[in-house]
């Protein structure tokens, strides 16, 4: 990542999403617009976050990555709208 998605700054540092090991392993991205009762229909909570992340020194915005296929499959199956 070379540019912040929030402020456009270029002072970006690479790091990891950390915390108690149990919590890091369970970190995931859950899209908005889930269908009612969608989470009750699956054991999948969303798309698992990769441990690598990037943070902007200018505004503090942190970004991480998920597997694009996993995200696409989850949103198509469990969300009302993708965009």
PDB file of N, CA and C in Angstrom:
ATOM      1  N   UNK A   1       0.857  -1.177   0.000  1.00  0.00           N
ATOM      2  CA  UNK A   1       0.000   0.000   0.000  1.00  0.00           C
ATOM      3  C   UNK A   1       0.896   1.230   0.000  1.00  0.00           C
ATOM      4  N   UNK A   2       0.663   2.148  -0.909  1.00  0.00           N
ATOM      5  CA  UNK A   2       1.510   3.331  -0.996  1.00  0.00           C
ATOM      6  C   UNK A   2       0.762   4.623  -0.685  1.00  0.00           C
ATOM      7  N   UNK A   3      -0.567   4.553  -0.596  1.00  0.00           N
ATOM      8  CA  UNK A   3      -1.363   5.748  -0.363  1.00  0.00           C
ATOM      9  C   UNK A   3      -2.544   5.399   0.550  1.00  0.00           C
ATOM     10  N   UNK A   4      -2.799   6.265   1.535  1.00  0.00           N
ATOM     11  CA  UNK A   4      -3.898   6.041   2.466  1.00  0.00           C
ATOM     12  C   UNK A   4      -5.241   6.180   1.749  1.00  0.00           C
ATOM     13  N   UNK A   5      -6.130   5.240   2.006  1.00  0.00           N
ATOM     14  CA  UNK A   5      -7.458   5.276   1.391  1.00  0.00           C
ATOM     15  C   UNK A   5      -8.342   6.371   1.980  1.00  0.00           C
ATOM     16  N   UNK A   6      -8.049   6.819   3.200  1.00  0.00           N
ATOM     17  CA  UNK A   6      -8.876   7.817   3.852  1.00  0.00           C
ATOM     18  C   UNK A   6      -8.422   9.241   3.555  1.00  0.00           C
ATOM     19  N   UNK A   7      -7.127   9.527   3.776  1.00  0.00           N
ATOM     20  CA  UNK A   7      -6.660  10.918   3.644  1.00  0.00           C
ATOM     21  C   UNK A   7      -5.746  11.146   2.446  1.00  0.00           C
ATOM     22  N   UNK A   8      -5.307  10.074   1.791  1.00  0.00           N
ATOM     23  CA  UNK A   8      -4.419  10.207   0.643  1.00  0.00           C
ATOM     24  C   UNK A   8      -2.957  10.352   1.027  1.00  0.00           C
ATOM     25  N   UNK A   9      -2.657  10.303   2.323  1.00  0.00           N
ATOM     26  CA  UNK A   9      -1.274  10.439   2.783  1.00  0.00           C
ATOM     27  C   UNK A   9      -0.405   9.293   2.300  1.00  0.00           C
ATOM     28  N   UNK A  10       0.902   9.546   2.270  1.00  0.00           N
ATOM     29  CA  UNK A  10       1.831   8.525   1.789  1.00  0.00           C
ATOM     30  C   UNK A  10       2.768   8.008   2.879  1.00  0.00           C
ATOM     31  N   UNK A  11       2.617   8.466   4.110  1.00  0.00           N
ATOM     32  CA  UNK A  11       3.418   7.955   5.220  1.00  0.00           C
ATOM     33  C   UNK A  11       2.715   6.725   5.793  1.00  0.00           C
ATOM     34  N   UNK A  12       2.975   5.593   5.184  1.00  0.00           N
ATOM     35  CA  UNK A  12       2.289   4.348   5.509  1.00  0.00           C
ATOM     36  C   UNK A  12       3.291   3.383   6.141  1.00  0.00           C
ATOM     37  N   UNK A  13       2.884   2.733   7.218  1.00  0.00           N
ATOM     38  CA  UNK A  13       3.731   1.717   7.837  1.00  0.00           C
ATOM     39  C   UNK A  13       3.024   0.364   7.762  1.00  0.00           C
ATOM     40  N   UNK A  14       3.836  -0.660   7.584  1.00  0.00           N
ATOM     41  CA  UNK A  14       3.321  -2.026   7.506  1.00  0.00           C
ATOM     42  C   UNK A  14       3.433  -2.668   8.883  1.00  0.00           C
ATOM     43  N   UNK A  15       2.451  -3.456   9.249  1.00  0.00           N
ATOM     44  CA  UNK A  15       2.481  -4.125  10.541  1.00  0.00           C
ATOM     45  C   UNK A  15       1.548  -5.318  10.552  1.00  0.00           C
ATOM     46  N   UNK A  16       1.115  -5.697  11.737  1.00  0.00           N
ATOM     47  CA  UNK A  16       0.235  -6.843  11.895  1.00  0.00           C
ATOM     48  C   UNK A  16      -0.931  -6.490  12.802  1.00  0.00           C
ATOM     49  N   UNK A  17      -2.042  -7.141  12.616  1.00  0.00           N
ATOM     50  CA  UNK A  17      -3.165  -7.025  13.527  1.00  0.00           C
ATOM     51  C   UNK A  17      -2.871  -7.992  14.669  1.00  0.00           C
ATOM     52  N   UNK A  18      -2.745  -7.458  15.873  1.00  0.00           N
ATOM     53  CA  UNK A  18      -2.345  -8.271  17.023  1.00  0.00           C
ATOM     54  C   UNK A  18      -3.389  -8.172  18.129  1.00  0.00           C
ATOM     55  N   UNK A  19      -3.271  -9.037  19.065  1.00  0.00           N
ATOM     56  CA  UNK A  19      -4.147  -9.083  20.224  1.00  0.00           C
ATOM     57  C   UNK A  19      -4.009 -10.443  20.850  1.00  0.00           C
ATOM     58  N   UNK A  20      -4.841 -10.755  21.818  1.00  0.00           N
ATOM     59  CA  UNK A  20      -4.789 -12.124  22.342  1.00  0.00           C
ATOM     60  C   UNK A  20      -4.964 -13.102  21.182  1.00  0.00           C
ATOM     61  N   UNK A  21      -4.143 -14.131  21.141  1.00  0.00           N
ATOM     62  CA  UNK A  21      -4.133 -15.055  20.001  1.00  0.00           C
ATOM     63  C   UNK A  21      -5.525 -15.530  19.611  1.00  0.00           C
ATOM     64  N   UNK A  22      -6.373 -15.804  20.564  1.00  0.00           N
ATOM     65  CA  UNK A  22      -7.728 -16.272  20.258  1.00  0.00           C
ATOM     66  C   UNK A  22      -8.488 -15.230  19.454  1.00  0.00           C
ATOM     67  N   UNK A  23      -8.317 -13.958  19.795  1.00  0.00           N
ATOM     68  CA  UNK A  23      -9.035 -12.895  19.100  1.00  0.00           C
ATOM     69  C   UNK A  23      -8.487 -12.651  17.703  1.00  0.00           C
ATOM     70  N   UNK A  24      -7.181 -12.706  17.533  1.00  0.00           N
ATOM     71  CA  UNK A  24      -6.596 -12.489  16.210  1.00  0.00           C
ATOM     72  C   UNK A  24      -7.069 -13.563  15.244  1.00  0.00           C
ATOM     73  N   UNK A  25      -7.099 -14.801  15.695  1.00  0.00           N
ATOM     74  CA  UNK A  25      -7.538 -15.893  14.823  1.00  0.00           C
ATOM     75  C   UNK A  25      -9.000 -15.732  14.423  1.00  0.00           C
ATOM     76  N   UNK A  26      -9.773 -15.021  15.227  1.00  0.00           N
ATOM     77  CA  UNK A  26     -11.193 -14.835  14.950  1.00  0.00           C
ATOM     78  C   UNK A  26     -11.512 -13.487  14.316  1.00  0.00           C
ATOM     79  N   UNK A  27     -10.497 -12.721  13.914  1.00  0.00           N
ATOM     80  CA  UNK A  27     -10.739 -11.416  13.303  1.00  0.00           C
ATOM     81  C   UNK A  27     -11.258 -11.608  11.885  1.00  0.00           C
ATOM     82  N   UNK A  28     -12.338 -10.896  11.565  1.00  0.00           N
ATOM     83  CA  UNK A  28     -12.930 -11.051  10.243  1.00  0.00           C
ATOM     84  C   UNK A  28     -13.596  -9.744   9.831  1.00  0.00           C
ATOM     85  N   UNK A  29     -13.874  -9.635   8.537  1.00  0.00           N
ATOM     86  CA  UNK A  29     -14.603  -8.495   7.977  1.00  0.00           C
ATOM     87  C   UNK A  29     -16.013  -8.974   7.682  1.00  0.00           C
ATOM     88  N   UNK A  30     -16.983  -8.245   8.215  1.00  0.00           N
ATOM     89  CA  UNK A  30     -18.383  -8.590   7.973  1.00  0.00           C
ATOM     90  C   UNK A  30     -19.028  -7.432   7.219  1.00  0.00           C
ATOM     91  N   UNK A  31     -19.459  -7.655   5.982  1.00  0.00           N
ATOM     92  CA  UNK A  31     -20.050  -6.580   5.191  1.00  0.00           C
ATOM     93  C   UNK A  31     -21.373  -6.092   5.773  1.00  0.00           C
ATOM     94  N   UNK A  32     -21.698  -4.849   5.482  1.00  0.00           N
ATOM     95  CA  UNK A  32     -23.020  -4.320   5.812  1.00  0.00           C
ATOM     96  C   UNK A  32     -24.061  -4.995   4.910  1.00  0.00           C
ATOM     97  N   UNK A  33     -25.289  -4.754   5.204  1.00  0.00           N
ATOM     98  CA  UNK A  33     -26.416  -5.239   4.392  1.00  0.00           C
ATOM     99  C   UNK A  33     -26.585  -6.749   4.420  1.00  0.00           C
ATOM    100  N   UNK A  34     -26.261  -7.375   5.572  1.00  0.00           N
ATOM    101  CA  UNK A  34     -26.525  -8.813   5.690  1.00  0.00           C
ATOM    102  C   UNK A  34     -28.025  -9.054   5.629  1.00  0.00           C
ATOM    103  N   UNK A  35     -28.406 -10.136   4.999  1.00  0.00           N
ATOM    104  CA  UNK A  35     -29.818 -10.516   4.971  1.00  0.00           C
ATOM    105  C   UNK A  35     -30.249 -10.891   6.390  1.00  0.00           C
ATOM    106  N   UNK A  36     -31.500 -10.653   6.724  1.00  0.00           N
ATOM    107  CA  UNK A  36     -31.985 -11.050   8.050  1.00  0.00           C
ATOM    108  C   UNK A  36     -31.724 -12.539   8.292  1.00  0.00           C
ATOM    109  N   UNK A  37     -31.243 -12.849   9.450  1.00  0.00           N
ATOM    110  CA  UNK A  37     -30.947 -14.224   9.871  1.00  0.00           C
ATOM    111  C   UNK A  37     -29.830 -14.893   9.059  1.00  0.00           C
ATOM    112  N   UNK A  38     -29.071 -14.128   8.295  1.00  0.00           N
ATOM    113  CA  UNK A  38     -28.002 -14.716   7.476  1.00  0.00           C
ATOM    114  C   UNK A  38     -26.963 -15.412   8.342  1.00  0.00           C
ATOM    115  N   UNK A  39     -26.574 -14.807   9.452  1.00  0.00           N
ATOM    116  CA  UNK A  39     -25.546 -15.415  10.291  1.00  0.00           C
ATOM    117  C   UNK A  39     -26.053 -16.665  10.994  1.00  0.00           C
ATOM    118  N   UNK A  40     -27.356 -16.748  11.200  1.00  0.00           N
ATOM    119  CA  UNK A  40     -27.920 -17.949  11.809  1.00  0.00           C
ATOM    120  C   UNK A  40     -27.865 -19.125  10.833  1.00  0.00           C
ATOM    121  N   UNK A  41     -27.778 -18.838   9.543  1.00  0.00           N
ATOM    122  CA  UNK A  41     -27.792 -19.885   8.522  1.00  0.00           C
ATOM    123  C   UNK A  41     -26.395 -20.434   8.221  1.00  0.00           C
ATOM    124  N   UNK A  42     -25.358 -19.828   8.813  1.00  0.00           N
ATOM    125  CA  UNK A  42     -23.995 -20.260   8.517  1.00  0.00           C
ATOM    126  C   UNK A  42     -23.116 -20.140   9.749  1.00  0.00           C
ATOM    127  N   UNK A  43     -22.065 -20.920   9.778  1.00  0.00           N
ATOM    128  CA  UNK A  43     -21.083 -20.780  10.850  1.00  0.00           C
ATOM    129  C   UNK A  43     -20.026 -19.760  10.455  1.00  0.00           C
ATOM    130  N   UNK A  44     -20.030 -19.341   9.197  1.00  0.00           N
ATOM    131  CA  UNK A  44     -19.080 -18.349   8.698  1.00  0.00           C
ATOM    132  C   UNK A  44     -19.543 -16.965   9.123  1.00  0.00           C
ATOM    133  N   UNK A  45     -18.660 -16.174   9.740  1.00  0.00           N
ATOM    134  CA  UNK A  45     -19.017 -14.845  10.229  1.00  0.00           C
ATOM    135  C   UNK A  45     -18.709 -13.748   9.218  1.00  0.00           C
ATOM    136  N   UNK A  46     -17.914 -14.058   8.230  1.00  0.00           N
ATOM    137  CA  UNK A  46     -17.481 -13.073   7.251  1.00  0.00           C
ATOM    138  C   UNK A  46     -16.200 -13.574   6.614  1.00  0.00           C
ATOM    139  N   UNK A  47     -15.349 -12.663   6.164  1.00  0.00           N
ATOM    140  CA  UNK A  47     -14.080 -13.029   5.544  1.00  0.00           C
ATOM    141  C   UNK A  47     -12.949 -12.792   6.543  1.00  0.00           C
ATOM    142  N   UNK A  48     -12.168 -13.817   6.779  1.00  0.00           N
ATOM    143  CA  UNK A  48     -11.088 -13.747   7.764  1.00  0.00           C
ATOM    144  C   UNK A  48     -10.025 -12.733   7.326  1.00  0.00           C
ATOM    145  N   UNK A  49      -9.597 -11.889   8.276  1.00  0.00           N
ATOM    146  CA  UNK A  49      -8.556 -10.899   8.003  1.00  0.00           C
ATOM    147  C   UNK A  49      -7.185 -11.555   7.954  1.00  0.00           C
ATOM    148  N   UNK A  50      -6.376 -11.109   7.008  1.00  0.00           N
ATOM    149  CA  UNK A  50      -4.973 -11.505   6.991  1.00  0.00           C
ATOM    150  C   UNK A  50      -4.286 -10.781   8.147  1.00  0.00           C
ATOM    151  N   UNK A  51      -3.265 -11.365   8.748  1.00  0.00           N
ATOM    152  CA  UNK A  51      -2.628 -10.696   9.874  1.00  0.00           C
ATOM    153  C   UNK A  51      -1.862  -9.436   9.467  1.00  0.00           C
ATOM    154  N   UNK A  52      -1.430  -9.347   8.222  1.00  0.00           N
ATOM    155  CA  UNK A  52      -0.699  -8.170   7.763  1.00  0.00           C
ATOM    156  C   UNK A  52      -1.651  -6.997   7.576  1.00  0.00           C
ATOM    157  N   UNK A  53      -1.223  -5.825   8.015  1.00  0.00           N
ATOM    158  CA  UNK A  53      -2.047  -4.622   7.894  1.00  0.00           C
ATOM    159  C   UNK A  53      -1.152  -3.420   7.606  1.00  0.00           C
ATOM    160  N   UNK A  54      -1.788  -2.307   7.265  1.00  0.00           N
ATOM    161  CA  UNK A  54      -1.075  -1.070   6.984  1.00  0.00           C
ATOM    162  C   UNK A  54      -1.750   0.060   7.745  1.00  0.00           C
ATOM    163  N   UNK A  55      -0.954   1.009   8.233  1.00  0.00           N
ATOM    164  CA  UNK A  55      -1.502   2.137   8.980  1.00  0.00           C
ATOM    165  C   UNK A  55      -0.904   3.433   8.460  1.00  0.00           C
ATOM    166  N   UNK A  56      -1.727   4.462   8.413  1.00  0.00           N
ATOM    167  CA  UNK A  56      -1.309   5.790   7.956  1.00  0.00           C
ATOM    168  C   UNK A  56      -0.808   6.589   9.160  1.00  0.00           C
ATOM    169  N   UNK A  57       0.392   7.117   9.066  1.00  0.00           N
ATOM    170  CA  UNK A  57       0.942   7.941  10.138  1.00  0.00           C
ATOM    171  C   UNK A  57       0.270   9.308  10.201  1.00  0.00           C
ATOM    172  N   UNK A  58      -0.384   9.715   9.120  1.00  0.00           N
ATOM    173  CA  UNK A  58      -1.043  11.019   9.088  1.00  0.00           C
ATOM    174  C   UNK A  58      -2.390  11.039   9.794  1.00  0.00           C
ATOM    175  N   UNK A  59      -3.233  10.037   9.547  1.00  0.00           N
ATOM    176  CA  UNK A  59      -4.594  10.064  10.107  1.00  0.00           C
ATOM    177  C   UNK A  59      -4.921   8.863  10.985  1.00  0.00           C
ATOM    178  N   UNK A  60      -4.061   7.836  10.980  1.00  0.00           N
ATOM    179  CA  UNK A  60      -4.290   6.669  11.815  1.00  0.00           C
ATOM    180  C   UNK A  60      -5.165   5.600  11.183  1.00  0.00           C
ATOM    181  N   UNK A  61      -5.592   5.788   9.960  1.00  0.00           N
ATOM    182  CA  UNK A  61      -6.425   4.797   9.284  1.00  0.00           C
ATOM    183  C   UNK A  61      -5.655   3.492   9.127  1.00  0.00           C
ATOM    184  N   UNK A  62      -6.275   2.374   9.484  1.00  0.00           N
ATOM    185  CA  UNK A  62      -5.659   1.057   9.357  1.00  0.00           C
ATOM    186  C   UNK A  62      -6.420   0.264   8.313  1.00  0.00           C
ATOM    187  N   UNK A  63      -5.697  -0.412   7.448  1.00  0.00           N
ATOM    188  CA  UNK A  63      -6.348  -1.257   6.455  1.00  0.00           C
ATOM    189  C   UNK A  63      -5.736  -2.648   6.500  1.00  0.00           C
ATOM    190  N   UNK A  64      -6.550  -3.630   6.190  1.00  0.00           N
ATOM    191  CA  UNK A  64      -6.118  -5.022   6.163  1.00  0.00           C
ATOM    192  C   UNK A  64      -6.711  -5.671   4.927  1.00  0.00           C
ATOM    193  N   UNK A  65      -6.321  -6.883   4.663  1.00  0.00           N
ATOM    194  CA  UNK A  65      -6.771  -7.567   3.463  1.00  0.00           C
ATOM    195  C   UNK A  65      -7.500  -8.849   3.811  1.00  0.00           C
ATOM    196  N   UNK A  66      -8.477  -9.193   2.984  1.00  0.00           N
ATOM    197  CA  UNK A  66      -9.182 -10.476   3.071  1.00  0.00           C
ATOM    198  C   UNK A  66      -9.030 -11.167   1.724  1.00  0.00           C
ATOM    199  N   UNK A  67      -9.301 -12.451   1.696  1.00  0.00           N
ATOM    200  CA  UNK A  67      -9.265 -13.197   0.441  1.00  0.00           C
ATOM    201  C   UNK A  67     -10.420 -12.715  -0.435  1.00  0.00           C
ATOM    202  N   UNK A  68     -10.148 -12.190  -1.637  1.00  0.00           N
ATOM    203  CA  UNK A  68     -11.218 -11.619  -2.464  1.00  0.00           C
ATOM    204  C   UNK A  68     -12.299 -12.632  -2.852  1.00  0.00           C
ATOM    205  N   UNK A  69     -11.918 -13.871  -3.135  1.00  0.00           N
ATOM    206  CA  UNK A  69     -12.918 -14.886  -3.497  1.00  0.00           C
ATOM    207  C   UNK A  69     -13.819 -15.192  -2.307  1.00  0.00           C
ATOM    208  N   UNK A  70     -13.231 -15.327  -1.127  1.00  0.00           N
ATOM    209  CA  UNK A  70     -14.016 -15.592   0.079  1.00  0.00           C
ATOM    210  C   UNK A  70     -14.991 -14.447   0.345  1.00  0.00           C
ATOM    211  N   UNK A  71     -14.530 -13.217   0.190  1.00  0.00           N
ATOM    212  CA  UNK A  71     -15.385 -12.038   0.385  1.00  0.00           C
ATOM    213  C   UNK A  71     -16.514 -12.004  -0.643  1.00  0.00           C
ATOM    214  N   UNK A  72     -16.185 -12.227  -1.894  1.00  0.00           N
ATOM    215  CA  UNK A  72     -17.188 -12.216  -2.965  1.00  0.00           C
ATOM    216  C   UNK A  72     -18.247 -13.294  -2.732  1.00  0.00           C
ATOM    217  N   UNK A  73     -17.794 -14.503  -2.413  1.00  0.00           N
ATOM    218  CA  UNK A  73     -18.727 -15.607  -2.165  1.00  0.00           C
ATOM    219  C   UNK A  73     -19.650 -15.292  -0.989  1.00  0.00           C
ATOM    220  N   UNK A  74     -19.096 -14.754   0.104  1.00  0.00           N
ATOM    221  CA  UNK A  74     -19.898 -14.441   1.283  1.00  0.00           C
ATOM    222  C   UNK A  74     -20.934 -13.358   0.982  1.00  0.00           C
ATOM    223  N   UNK A  75     -20.513 -12.275   0.317  1.00  0.00           N
ATOM    224  CA  UNK A  75     -21.454 -11.181   0.044  1.00  0.00           C
ATOM    225  C   UNK A  75     -22.548 -11.607  -0.926  1.00  0.00           C
ATOM    226  N   UNK A  76     -22.197 -12.401  -1.924  1.00  0.00           N
ATOM    227  CA  UNK A  76     -23.216 -12.856  -2.869  1.00  0.00           C
ATOM    228  C   UNK A  76     -24.240 -13.768  -2.203  1.00  0.00           C
ATOM    229  N   UNK A  77     -23.796 -14.543  -1.237  1.00  0.00           N
ATOM    230  CA  UNK A  77     -24.684 -15.507  -0.591  1.00  0.00           C
ATOM    231  C   UNK A  77     -25.494 -14.908   0.558  1.00  0.00           C
ATOM    232  N   UNK A  78     -24.901 -13.984   1.337  1.00  0.00           N
ATOM    233  CA  UNK A  78     -25.536 -13.555   2.584  1.00  0.00           C
ATOM    234  C   UNK A  78     -25.889 -12.072   2.666  1.00  0.00           C
ATOM    235  N   UNK A  79     -25.602 -11.286   1.636  1.00  0.00           N
ATOM    236  CA  UNK A  79     -25.897  -9.843   1.712  1.00  0.00           C
ATOM    237  C   UNK A  79     -27.012  -9.441   0.749  1.00  0.00           C
ATOM    238  N   UNK A  80     -27.756  -8.416   1.135  1.00  0.00           N
ATOM    239  CA  UNK A  80     -28.850  -7.914   0.301  1.00  0.00           C
ATOM    240  C   UNK A  80     -28.316  -7.255  -0.961  1.00  0.00           C
ATOM    241  N   UNK A  81     -27.219  -6.523  -0.817  1.00  0.00           N
ATOM    242  CA  UNK A  81     -26.622  -5.844  -1.953  1.00  0.00           C
ATOM    243  C   UNK A  81     -25.116  -5.900  -1.803  1.00  0.00           C
ATOM    244  N   UNK A  82     -24.402  -5.925  -2.912  1.00  0.00           N
ATOM    245  CA  UNK A  82     -22.951  -5.992  -2.872  1.00  0.00           C
ATOM    246  C   UNK A  82     -22.338  -4.614  -2.802  1.00  0.00           C
ATOM    247  N   UNK A  83     -22.942  -3.629  -3.433  1.00  0.00           N
ATOM    248  CA  UNK A  83     -22.375  -2.265  -3.447  1.00  0.00           C
ATOM    249  C   UNK A  83     -23.342  -1.275  -2.884  1.00  0.00           C
TER     250      UNK A  83
END
